[in-house]
C-alpha atoms as a PDB file:
ATOM      1  CA  MET A   1      28.145  66.090 332.029  1.00  0.00           C
ATOM      2  CA  THR A   2      25.504  63.387 332.507  1.00  0.00           C
ATOM      3  CA  ARG A   3      21.791  63.969 331.960  1.00  0.00           C
ATOM      4  CA  SER A   4      18.653  62.227 333.135  1.00  0.00           C
ATOM      5  CA  HIS A   5      16.913  60.002 330.624  1.00  0.00           C
ATOM      6  CA  ASP A   6      13.979  62.433 330.391  1.00  0.00           C
ATOM      7  CA  ALA A   7      16.383  65.280 329.599  1.00  0.00           C
ATOM      8  CA  LEU A   8      18.065  63.134 326.969  1.00  0.00           C
ATOM      9  CA  VAL A   9      14.714  62.429 325.295  1.00  0.00           C
ATOM     10  CA  GLN A  10      13.818  66.112 325.280  1.00  0.00           C
ATOM     11  CA  ASP A  11      17.225  67.062 323.858  1.00  0.00           C
ATOM     12  CA  GLN A  12      16.846  64.479 321.094  1.00  0.00           C
ATOM     13  CA  PHE A  13      13.291  65.295 320.044  1.00  0.00           C
ATOM     14  CA  GLY A  14      12.919  69.012 320.694  1.00  0.00           C
ATOM     15  CA  PRO A  15      15.089  70.235 317.791  1.00  0.00           C
ATOM     16  CA  GLY A  16      13.444  67.829 315.349  1.00  0.00           C
ATOM     17  CA  ALA A  17       9.803  68.440 316.264  1.00  0.00           C
ATOM     18  CA  ALA A  18       8.879  69.810 312.836  1.00  0.00           C
ATOM     19  CA  ASP A  19      10.476  66.775 311.159  1.00  0.00           C
ATOM     20  CA  TYR A  20       8.080  64.453 312.984  1.00  0.00           C
ATOM     21  CA  ILE A  21       5.093  66.521 311.857  1.00  0.00           C
ATOM     22  CA  ALA A  22       6.230  66.069 308.237  1.00  0.00           C
ATOM     23  CA  SER A  23       7.558  62.467 308.505  1.00  0.00           C
ATOM     24  CA  ALA A  24       5.886  60.113 306.019  1.00  0.00           C
ATOM     25  CA  VAL A  25       6.642  57.137 308.288  1.00  0.00           C
ATOM     26  CA  HIS A  26       4.720  58.741 311.142  1.00  0.00           C
ATOM     27  CA  SER A  27       1.937  60.478 309.209  1.00  0.00           C
ATOM     28  CA  HIS A  28       0.797  57.441 307.187  1.00  0.00           C
ATOM     29  CA  GLY A  29       0.270  53.721 307.660  1.00  0.00           C
ATOM     30  CA  ALA A  30      -2.337  51.006 308.027  1.00  0.00           C
ATOM     31  CA  ASP A  31      -1.923  51.167 311.806  1.00  0.00           C
ATOM     32  CA  LEU A  32      -2.866  54.857 311.827  1.00  0.00           C
ATOM     33  CA  GLN A  33      -5.871  54.088 309.644  1.00  0.00           C
ATOM     34  CA  ARG A  34      -6.904  51.358 312.078  1.00  0.00           C
ATOM     35  CA  ILE A  35      -6.717  53.784 315.004  1.00  0.00           C
ATOM     36  CA  ALA A  36      -8.873  56.260 313.083  1.00  0.00           C
ATOM     37  CA  GLY A  37     -11.321  53.459 312.335  1.00  0.00           C
ATOM     38  CA  LEU A  38     -11.587  52.503 316.003  1.00  0.00           C
ATOM     39  CA  ALA A  39     -12.197  56.136 316.908  1.00  0.00           C
ATOM     40  CA  ALA A  40     -14.926  56.358 314.266  1.00  0.00           C
ATOM     41  CA  ALA A  41     -16.548  53.204 315.646  1.00  0.00           C
ATOM     42  CA  HIS A  42     -16.400  54.187 319.321  1.00  0.00           C
ATOM     43  CA  ARG A  43     -16.826  57.986 319.052  1.00  0.00           C
ATOM     44  CA  PRO A  44     -14.953  58.626 322.341  1.00  0.00           C
ATOM     45  CA  VAL A  45     -15.968  61.597 324.441  1.00  0.00           C
ATOM     46  CA  ARG A  46     -12.360  61.966 325.612  1.00  0.00           C
ATOM     47  CA  ALA A  47      -9.336  60.314 324.005  1.00  0.00           C
ATOM     48  CA  LEU A  48      -5.600  60.385 324.758  1.00  0.00           C
ATOM     49  CA  ASP A  49      -2.645  60.256 322.350  1.00  0.00           C
ATOM     50  CA  LEU A  50       0.063  59.086 324.753  1.00  0.00           C
ATOM     51  CA  GLY A  51       3.624  59.922 323.729  1.00  0.00           C
ATOM     52  CA  CYS A  52       2.175  61.827 320.805  1.00  0.00           C
ATOM     53  CA  GLY A  53       5.378  62.832 319.003  1.00  0.00           C
ATOM     54  CA  GLY A  54       4.216  64.687 315.897  1.00  0.00           C
ATOM     55  CA  GLY A  55       0.579  64.258 316.948  1.00  0.00           C
ATOM     56  CA  HIS A  56      -0.563  62.082 314.063  1.00  0.00           C
ATOM     57  CA  VAL A  57      -2.660  59.797 316.265  1.00  0.00           C
ATOM     58  CA  ALA A  58      -4.408  62.830 317.752  1.00  0.00           C
ATOM     59  CA  TYR A  59      -5.116  64.233 314.271  1.00  0.00           C
ATOM     60  CA  ALA A  60      -6.569  60.866 313.217  1.00  0.00           C
ATOM     61  CA  ILE A  61      -8.825  60.614 316.278  1.00  0.00           C
ATOM     62  CA  ALA A  62      -9.941  64.266 316.453  1.00  0.00           C
ATOM     63  CA  PRO A  63     -12.697  64.120 313.780  1.00  0.00           C
ATOM     64  CA  HIS A  64     -14.394  61.307 315.704  1.00  0.00           C
ATOM     65  CA  ALA A  65     -13.946  62.454 319.336  1.00  0.00           C
ATOM     66  CA  GLY A  66     -15.477  65.019 321.641  1.00  0.00           C
ATOM     67  CA  GLN A  67     -11.988  65.937 322.764  1.00  0.00           C
ATOM     68  CA  VAL A  68      -8.524  64.476 322.170  1.00  0.00           C
ATOM     69  CA  THR A  69      -5.465  65.234 324.298  1.00  0.00           C
ATOM     70  CA  ALA A  70      -1.965  64.958 322.833  1.00  0.00           C
ATOM     71  CA  CYS A  71       0.558  64.237 325.593  1.00  0.00           C
ATOM     72  CA  ASP A  72       4.349  64.149 325.249  1.00  0.00           C
ATOM     73  CA  LEU A  73       7.461  64.621 327.361  1.00  0.00           C
ATOM     74  CA  SER A  74       8.894  67.203 324.936  1.00  0.00           C
ATOM     75  CA  ALA A  75       7.524  70.738 325.296  1.00  0.00           C
ATOM     76  CA  ASP A  76       8.931  71.592 321.863  1.00  0.00           C
ATOM     77  CA  MET A  77       7.074  68.662 320.337  1.00  0.00           C
ATOM     78  CA  ILE A  78       3.843  69.763 322.028  1.00  0.00           C
ATOM     79  CA  ALA A  79       4.314  73.308 320.708  1.00  0.00           C
ATOM     80  CA  ALA A  80       4.673  71.909 317.187  1.00  0.00           C
ATOM     81  CA  VAL A  81       1.524  69.792 317.638  1.00  0.00           C
ATOM     82  CA  GLU A  82      -0.417  72.826 318.869  1.00  0.00           C
ATOM     83  CA  ALA A  83       0.650  74.796 315.802  1.00  0.00           C
ATOM     84  CA  GLU A  84      -0.256  71.946 313.442  1.00  0.00           C
ATOM     85  CA  GLY A  85      -3.591  71.402 315.206  1.00  0.00           C
ATOM     86  CA  ALA A  86      -4.412  75.092 314.761  1.00  0.00           C
ATOM     87  CA  ARG A  87      -3.416  74.909 311.099  1.00  0.00           C
ATOM     88  CA  ARG A  88      -5.800  71.968 310.660  1.00  0.00           C
ATOM     89  CA  GLY A  89      -8.586  73.751 312.544  1.00  0.00           C
ATOM     90  CA  LEU A  90      -8.875  71.086 315.271  1.00  0.00           C
ATOM     91  CA  ALA A  91     -10.783  72.978 317.961  1.00  0.00           C
ATOM     92  CA  ASN A  92     -11.156  69.846 320.114  1.00  0.00           C
ATOM     93  CA  LEU A  93      -7.394  69.213 320.417  1.00  0.00           C
ATOM     94  CA  ARG A  94      -5.839  69.684 323.861  1.00  0.00           C
ATOM     95  CA  THR A  95      -2.192  69.174 324.852  1.00  0.00           C
ATOM     96  CA  CYS A  96      -0.189  68.206 327.919  1.00  0.00           C
ATOM     97  CA  VAL A  97       3.537  67.992 328.674  1.00  0.00           C
ATOM     98  CA  ALA A  98       4.150  64.954 330.879  1.00  0.00           C
ATOM     99  CA  SER A  99       6.084  61.734 331.237  1.00  0.00           C
ATOM    100  CA  ALA A 100       4.119  58.586 330.435  1.00  0.00           C
ATOM    101  CA  ALA A 101       5.033  57.294 333.898  1.00  0.00           C
ATOM    102  CA  ALA A 102       3.588  60.341 335.704  1.00  0.00           C
ATOM    103  CA  LEU A 103       0.385  61.511 334.042  1.00  0.00           C
ATOM    104  CA  SER A 104      -1.560  64.399 335.569  1.00  0.00           C
ATOM    105  CA  PHE A 105      -4.989  63.077 334.599  1.00  0.00           C
ATOM    106  CA  ALA A 106      -7.617  61.647 336.936  1.00  0.00           C
ATOM    107  CA  ASP A 107      -8.408  57.943 337.134  1.00  0.00           C
ATOM    108  CA  GLY A 108     -10.616  56.854 334.239  1.00  0.00           C
ATOM    109  CA  ASP A 109     -10.374  60.224 332.474  1.00  0.00           C
ATOM    110  CA  PHE A 110     -10.375  58.772 328.948  1.00  0.00           C
ATOM    111  CA  VAL A 111     -12.514  56.235 327.103  1.00  0.00           C
ATOM    112  CA  MET A 112      -9.935  55.730 324.350  1.00  0.00           C
ATOM    113  CA  LEU A 113      -6.139  55.745 324.531  1.00  0.00           C
ATOM    114  CA  ALA A 114      -3.602  55.229 321.759  1.00  0.00           C
ATOM    115  CA  CYS A 115       0.195  55.057 321.911  1.00  0.00           C
ATOM    116  CA  ARG A 116       2.169  54.756 318.660  1.00  0.00           C
ATOM    117  CA  PHE A 117       5.957  54.562 318.131  1.00  0.00           C
ATOM    118  CA  SER A 118       6.662  56.000 321.583  1.00  0.00           C
ATOM    119  CA  ALA A 119       7.160  53.298 324.221  1.00  0.00           C
ATOM    120  CA  HIS A 120      10.620  52.263 323.001  1.00  0.00           C
ATOM    121  CA  HIS A 121      11.841  55.626 324.362  1.00  0.00           C
ATOM    122  CA  TRP A 122      10.286  55.196 327.819  1.00  0.00           C
ATOM    123  CA  GLN A 123      12.631  54.589 330.716  1.00  0.00           C
ATOM    124  CA  ASN A 124      10.083  52.366 332.472  1.00  0.00           C
ATOM    125  CA  VAL A 125       7.443  50.829 330.207  1.00  0.00           C
ATOM    126  CA  PRO A 126       5.608  48.891 332.968  1.00  0.00           C
ATOM    127  CA  SER A 127       5.121  52.156 334.889  1.00  0.00           C
ATOM    128  CA  GLY A 128       3.906  53.905 331.749  1.00  0.00           C
ATOM    129  CA  LEU A 129       1.454  51.107 330.985  1.00  0.00           C
ATOM    130  CA  ALA A 130       0.209  51.159 334.581  1.00  0.00           C
ATOM    131  CA  GLU A 131      -0.488  54.887 334.186  1.00  0.00           C
ATOM    132  CA  ALA A 132      -2.219  54.227 330.868  1.00  0.00           C
ATOM    133  CA  ARG A 133      -4.430  51.656 332.570  1.00  0.00           C
ATOM    134  CA  ARG A 134      -5.168  54.070 335.436  1.00  0.00           C
ATOM    135  CA  VAL A 135      -6.381  56.925 333.215  1.00  0.00           C
ATOM    136  CA  LEU A 136      -8.433  54.648 330.927  1.00  0.00           C
ATOM    137  CA  ALA A 137     -12.049  54.259 332.005  1.00  0.00           C
ATOM    138  CA  PRO A 138     -13.438  50.749 332.664  1.00  0.00           C
ATOM    139  CA  GLY A 139     -14.385  49.234 329.334  1.00  0.00           C
ATOM    140  CA  GLY A 140     -12.274  51.786 327.474  1.00  0.00           C
ATOM    141  CA  VAL A 141     -10.370  50.980 324.287  1.00  0.00           C
ATOM    142  CA  ALA A 142      -6.560  51.060 324.124  1.00  0.00           C
ATOM    143  CA  VAL A 143      -4.228  50.698 321.145  1.00  0.00           C
ATOM    144  CA  PHE A 144      -0.451  50.273 321.327  1.00  0.00           C
ATOM    145  CA  ALA A 145       1.752  50.263 318.219  1.00  0.00           C
ATOM    146  CA  ASP A 146       5.526  50.095 317.997  1.00  0.00           C
ATOM    147  CA  VAL A 147       8.537  48.603 316.292  1.00  0.00           C
ATOM    148  CA  ILE A 148       9.281  45.183 317.800  1.00  0.00           C
ATOM    149  CA  ALA A 149      12.456  43.157 318.132  1.00  0.00           C
ATOM    150  CA  PRO A 150      12.677  39.819 316.314  1.00  0.00           C
ATOM    151  CA  PRO A 151      12.425  36.686 318.443  1.00  0.00           C
ATOM    152  CA  PHE A 152      15.998  35.518 317.763  1.00  0.00           C
ATOM    153  CA  ALA A 153      18.834  36.936 319.867  1.00  0.00           C
ATOM    154  CA  ALA A 154      21.209  38.045 317.104  1.00  0.00           C
ATOM    155  CA  GLY A 155      18.456  40.018 315.381  1.00  0.00           C
ATOM    156  CA  ASP A 156      17.338  41.555 318.675  1.00  0.00           C
ATOM    157  CA  THR A 157      20.905  42.643 319.502  1.00  0.00           C
ATOM    158  CA  HIS A 158      21.455  44.120 316.036  1.00  0.00           C
ATOM    159  CA  LEU A 159      18.247  46.168 316.176  1.00  0.00           C
ATOM    160  CA  GLN A 160      18.952  47.612 319.623  1.00  0.00           C
ATOM    161  CA  ALA A 161      22.522  48.466 318.595  1.00  0.00           C
ATOM    162  CA  VAL A 162      21.620  50.396 315.452  1.00  0.00           C
ATOM    163  CA  GLU A 163      18.710  52.116 317.216  1.00  0.00           C
ATOM    164  CA  LEU A 164      20.970  53.307 320.030  1.00  0.00           C
ATOM    165  CA  LEU A 165      23.644  54.558 317.635  1.00  0.00           C
ATOM    166  CA  ARG A 166      21.008  56.522 315.748  1.00  0.00           C
ATOM    167  CA  ASP A 167      19.292  57.857 318.881  1.00  0.00           C
ATOM    168  CA  PRO A 168      20.931  57.823 322.353  1.00  0.00           C
ATOM    169  CA  SER A 169      17.486  58.151 323.986  1.00  0.00           C
ATOM    170  CA  HIS A 170      16.461  54.738 322.624  1.00  0.00           C
ATOM    171  CA  VAL A 171      15.738  52.219 325.395  1.00  0.00           C
ATOM    172  CA  ARG A 172      14.399  49.041 323.805  1.00  0.00           C
ATOM    173  CA  ASP A 173      12.268  47.705 320.974  1.00  0.00           C
ATOM    174  CA  TYR A 174      10.409  44.969 322.853  1.00  0.00           C
ATOM    175  CA  THR A 175       9.437  41.587 321.430  1.00  0.00           C
ATOM    176  CA  GLU A 176       5.820  40.581 320.857  1.00  0.00           C
ATOM    177  CA  VAL A 177       5.973  38.301 323.903  1.00  0.00           C
ATOM    178  CA  GLU A 178       7.356  41.109 326.082  1.00  0.00           C
ATOM    179  CA  TRP A 179       4.636  43.498 324.920  1.00  0.00           C
ATOM    180  CA  CYS A 180       1.823  41.057 325.616  1.00  0.00           C
ATOM    181  CA  THR A 181       3.233  40.163 329.026  1.00  0.00           C
ATOM    182  CA  MET A 182       3.654  43.813 330.080  1.00  0.00           C
ATOM    183  CA  LEU A 183       0.141  44.746 328.964  1.00  0.00           C
ATOM    184  CA  GLN A 184      -1.435  41.815 330.777  1.00  0.00           C
ATOM    185  CA  GLN A 185       0.527  42.606 333.933  1.00  0.00           C
ATOM    186  CA  ALA A 186      -0.704  46.208 333.734  1.00  0.00           C
ATOM    187  CA  GLY A 187      -4.300  44.981 333.737  1.00  0.00           C
ATOM    188  CA  PHE A 188      -5.197  45.129 330.050  1.00  0.00           C
ATOM    189  CA  THR A 189      -7.075  42.404 328.191  1.00  0.00           C
ATOM    190  CA  ILE A 190      -5.643  41.954 324.701  1.00  0.00           C
ATOM    191  CA  THR A 191      -8.277  41.543 321.983  1.00  0.00           C
ATOM    192  CA  THR A 192      -6.332  41.775 318.710  1.00  0.00           C
ATOM    193  CA  VAL A 193      -2.677  41.586 317.660  1.00  0.00           C
ATOM    194  CA  THR A 194      -1.698  42.716 314.153  1.00  0.00           C
ATOM    195  CA  LYS A 195       1.854  42.387 312.821  1.00  0.00           C
ATOM    196  CA  ALA A 196       3.333  44.177 309.828  1.00  0.00           C
ATOM    197  CA  ARG A 197       6.614  45.169 308.210  1.00  0.00           C
ATOM    198  CA  LEU A 198       7.880  48.742 307.831  1.00  0.00           C
ATOM    199  CA  ARG A 199      10.650  49.847 305.465  1.00  0.00           C
ATOM    200  CA  LEU A 200      12.894  52.617 306.793  1.00  0.00           C
ATOM    201  CA  ASN A 201      14.765  54.768 304.291  1.00  0.00           C
ATOM    202  CA  PHE A 202      18.240  55.099 305.818  1.00  0.00           C
ATOM    203  CA  ALA A 203      18.884  58.716 304.809  1.00  0.00           C
ATOM    204  CA  ASP A 204      15.513  59.887 306.168  1.00  0.00           C
ATOM    205  CA  TRP A 205      15.830  57.717 309.274  1.00  0.00           C
ATOM    206  CA  ILE A 206      19.126  59.254 310.395  1.00  0.00           C
ATOM    207  CA  ALA A 207      18.261  62.795 309.233  1.00  0.00           C
ATOM    208  CA  ARG A 208      15.099  62.846 311.364  1.00  0.00           C
ATOM    209  CA  MET A 209      17.199  62.211 314.498  1.00  0.00           C
ATOM    210  CA  ARG A 210      20.163  64.338 313.341  1.00  0.00           C
ATOM    211  CA  THR A 211      22.474  61.358 313.762  1.00  0.00           C
ATOM    212  CA  THR A 212      26.111  62.453 313.600  1.00  0.00           C
ATOM    213  CA  PRO A 213      28.256  61.188 310.686  1.00  0.00           C
ATOM    214  CA  ASP A 214      30.439  59.048 312.950  1.00  0.00           C
ATOM    215  CA  ARG A 215      27.432  57.253 314.427  1.00  0.00           C
ATOM    216  CA  ALA A 216      25.827  56.843 311.000  1.00  0.00           C
ATOM    217  CA  ALA A 217      29.079  55.267 309.806  1.00  0.00           C
ATOM    218  CA  ALA A 218      29.043  52.925 312.815  1.00  0.00           C
ATOM    219  CA  ILE A 219      25.535  51.799 311.890  1.00  0.00           C
ATOM    220  CA  ARG A 220      26.663  51.067 308.352  1.00  0.00           C
ATOM    221  CA  THR A 221      29.626  49.115 309.735  1.00  0.00           C
ATOM    222  CA  LEU A 222      27.310  46.952 311.856  1.00  0.00           C
ATOM    223  CA  GLN A 223      25.081  46.357 308.851  1.00  0.00           C
ATOM    224  CA  GLY A 224      28.101  45.283 306.819  1.00  0.00           C
ATOM    225  CA  LEU A 225      29.147  42.842 309.542  1.00  0.00           C
ATOM    226  CA  ALA A 226      25.660  41.366 309.990  1.00  0.00           C
ATOM    227  CA  SER A 227      25.225  37.625 309.505  1.00  0.00           C
ATOM    228  CA  SER A 228      23.148  36.375 306.600  1.00  0.00           C
ATOM    229  CA  GLU A 229      20.324  35.595 309.031  1.00  0.00           C
ATOM    230  CA  VAL A 230      20.295  39.150 310.427  1.00  0.00           C
ATOM    231  CA  ALA A 231      20.777  40.832 307.046  1.00  0.00           C
ATOM    232  CA  GLY A 232      18.007  38.709 305.590  1.00  0.00           C
ATOM    233  CA  HIS A 233      15.569  39.391 308.406  1.00  0.00           C
ATOM    234  CA  PHE A 234      16.004  43.148 308.146  1.00  0.00           C
ATOM    235  CA  ALA A 235      16.280  43.095 304.343  1.00  0.00           C
ATOM    236  CA  ILE A 236      19.307  45.399 304.589  1.00  0.00           C
ATOM    237  CA  GLU A 237      19.761  47.268 301.300  1.00  0.00           C
ATOM    238  CA  PRO A 238      22.985  48.603 299.722  1.00  0.00           C
ATOM    239  CA  ASP A 239      22.242  52.170 300.877  1.00  0.00           C
ATOM    240  CA  GLY A 240      21.518  51.061 304.467  1.00  0.00           C
ATOM    241  CA  SER A 241      17.736  51.166 304.213  1.00  0.00           C
ATOM    242  CA  PHE A 242      16.126  48.246 306.034  1.00  0.00           C
ATOM    243  CA  THR A 243      12.811  46.780 307.147  1.00  0.00           C
ATOM    244  CA  VAL A 244      11.569  46.221 310.698  1.00  0.00           C
ATOM    245  CA  ASP A 245       8.702  44.343 312.301  1.00  0.00           C
ATOM    246  CA  THR A 246       5.855  46.332 313.852  1.00  0.00           C
ATOM    247  CA  LEU A 247       3.012  45.389 316.140  1.00  0.00           C
ATOM    248  CA  LEU A 248      -0.421  46.892 316.757  1.00  0.00           C
ATOM    249  CA  ILE A 249      -2.177  45.623 319.867  1.00  0.00           C
ATOM    250  CA  GLU A 250      -5.813  46.413 320.644  1.00  0.00           C
ATOM    251  CA  ALA A 251      -6.843  45.975 324.253  1.00  0.00           C
ATOM    252  CA  THR A 252      -9.496  46.824 326.807  1.00  0.00           C
END
């Protein structure tokens, strides 16, 4: 039986909601610190964590905002964020279940918006970015962070293949050029681009998505067949752990 992409995303992330709350990859990082720093500098009255996952962006912004809304397609993920927000005593945290491409907020509702490690699951990123631009007030601050594909075709193909085997709701890790083009077309003005590298522990990476043994084995097969250029770029380790490129884009 076939499912819509939105249903596939919810099926993939709902059962693992608690894992994303606890994930070290998602709960730490220089990019998250930068988002917190921007929130501290701008003190937004209303901020949005778009595609919030485990809610770590919302938790980082909350101490510096009048109100922060965590929005995600997965109701189970939102329930986990609500529970964690209550545990942390974040009285200014609000939540919303919605697709990035169909937000229920009014035009210009937020003065700060952040989206981290989410867009590669969206069925239509240009539509999601257009919605992000719509709900961001004129002069508002936006931050987008995600894994990006390398600029050479073999590396791009390898990354998409292993991502899809791990998680059938994966759509695409976009390149830096694709990200910048999509943001500009959506009406954003890019102010800062920061690139980094992120090591992914293979065992944790597949456990978080409950990847089946046959698909995990297929990933390891692809890694074993990778060219020296691909293996070198991703720094593929004997246990399957590897390193990806990430991007943090600040825009207005």
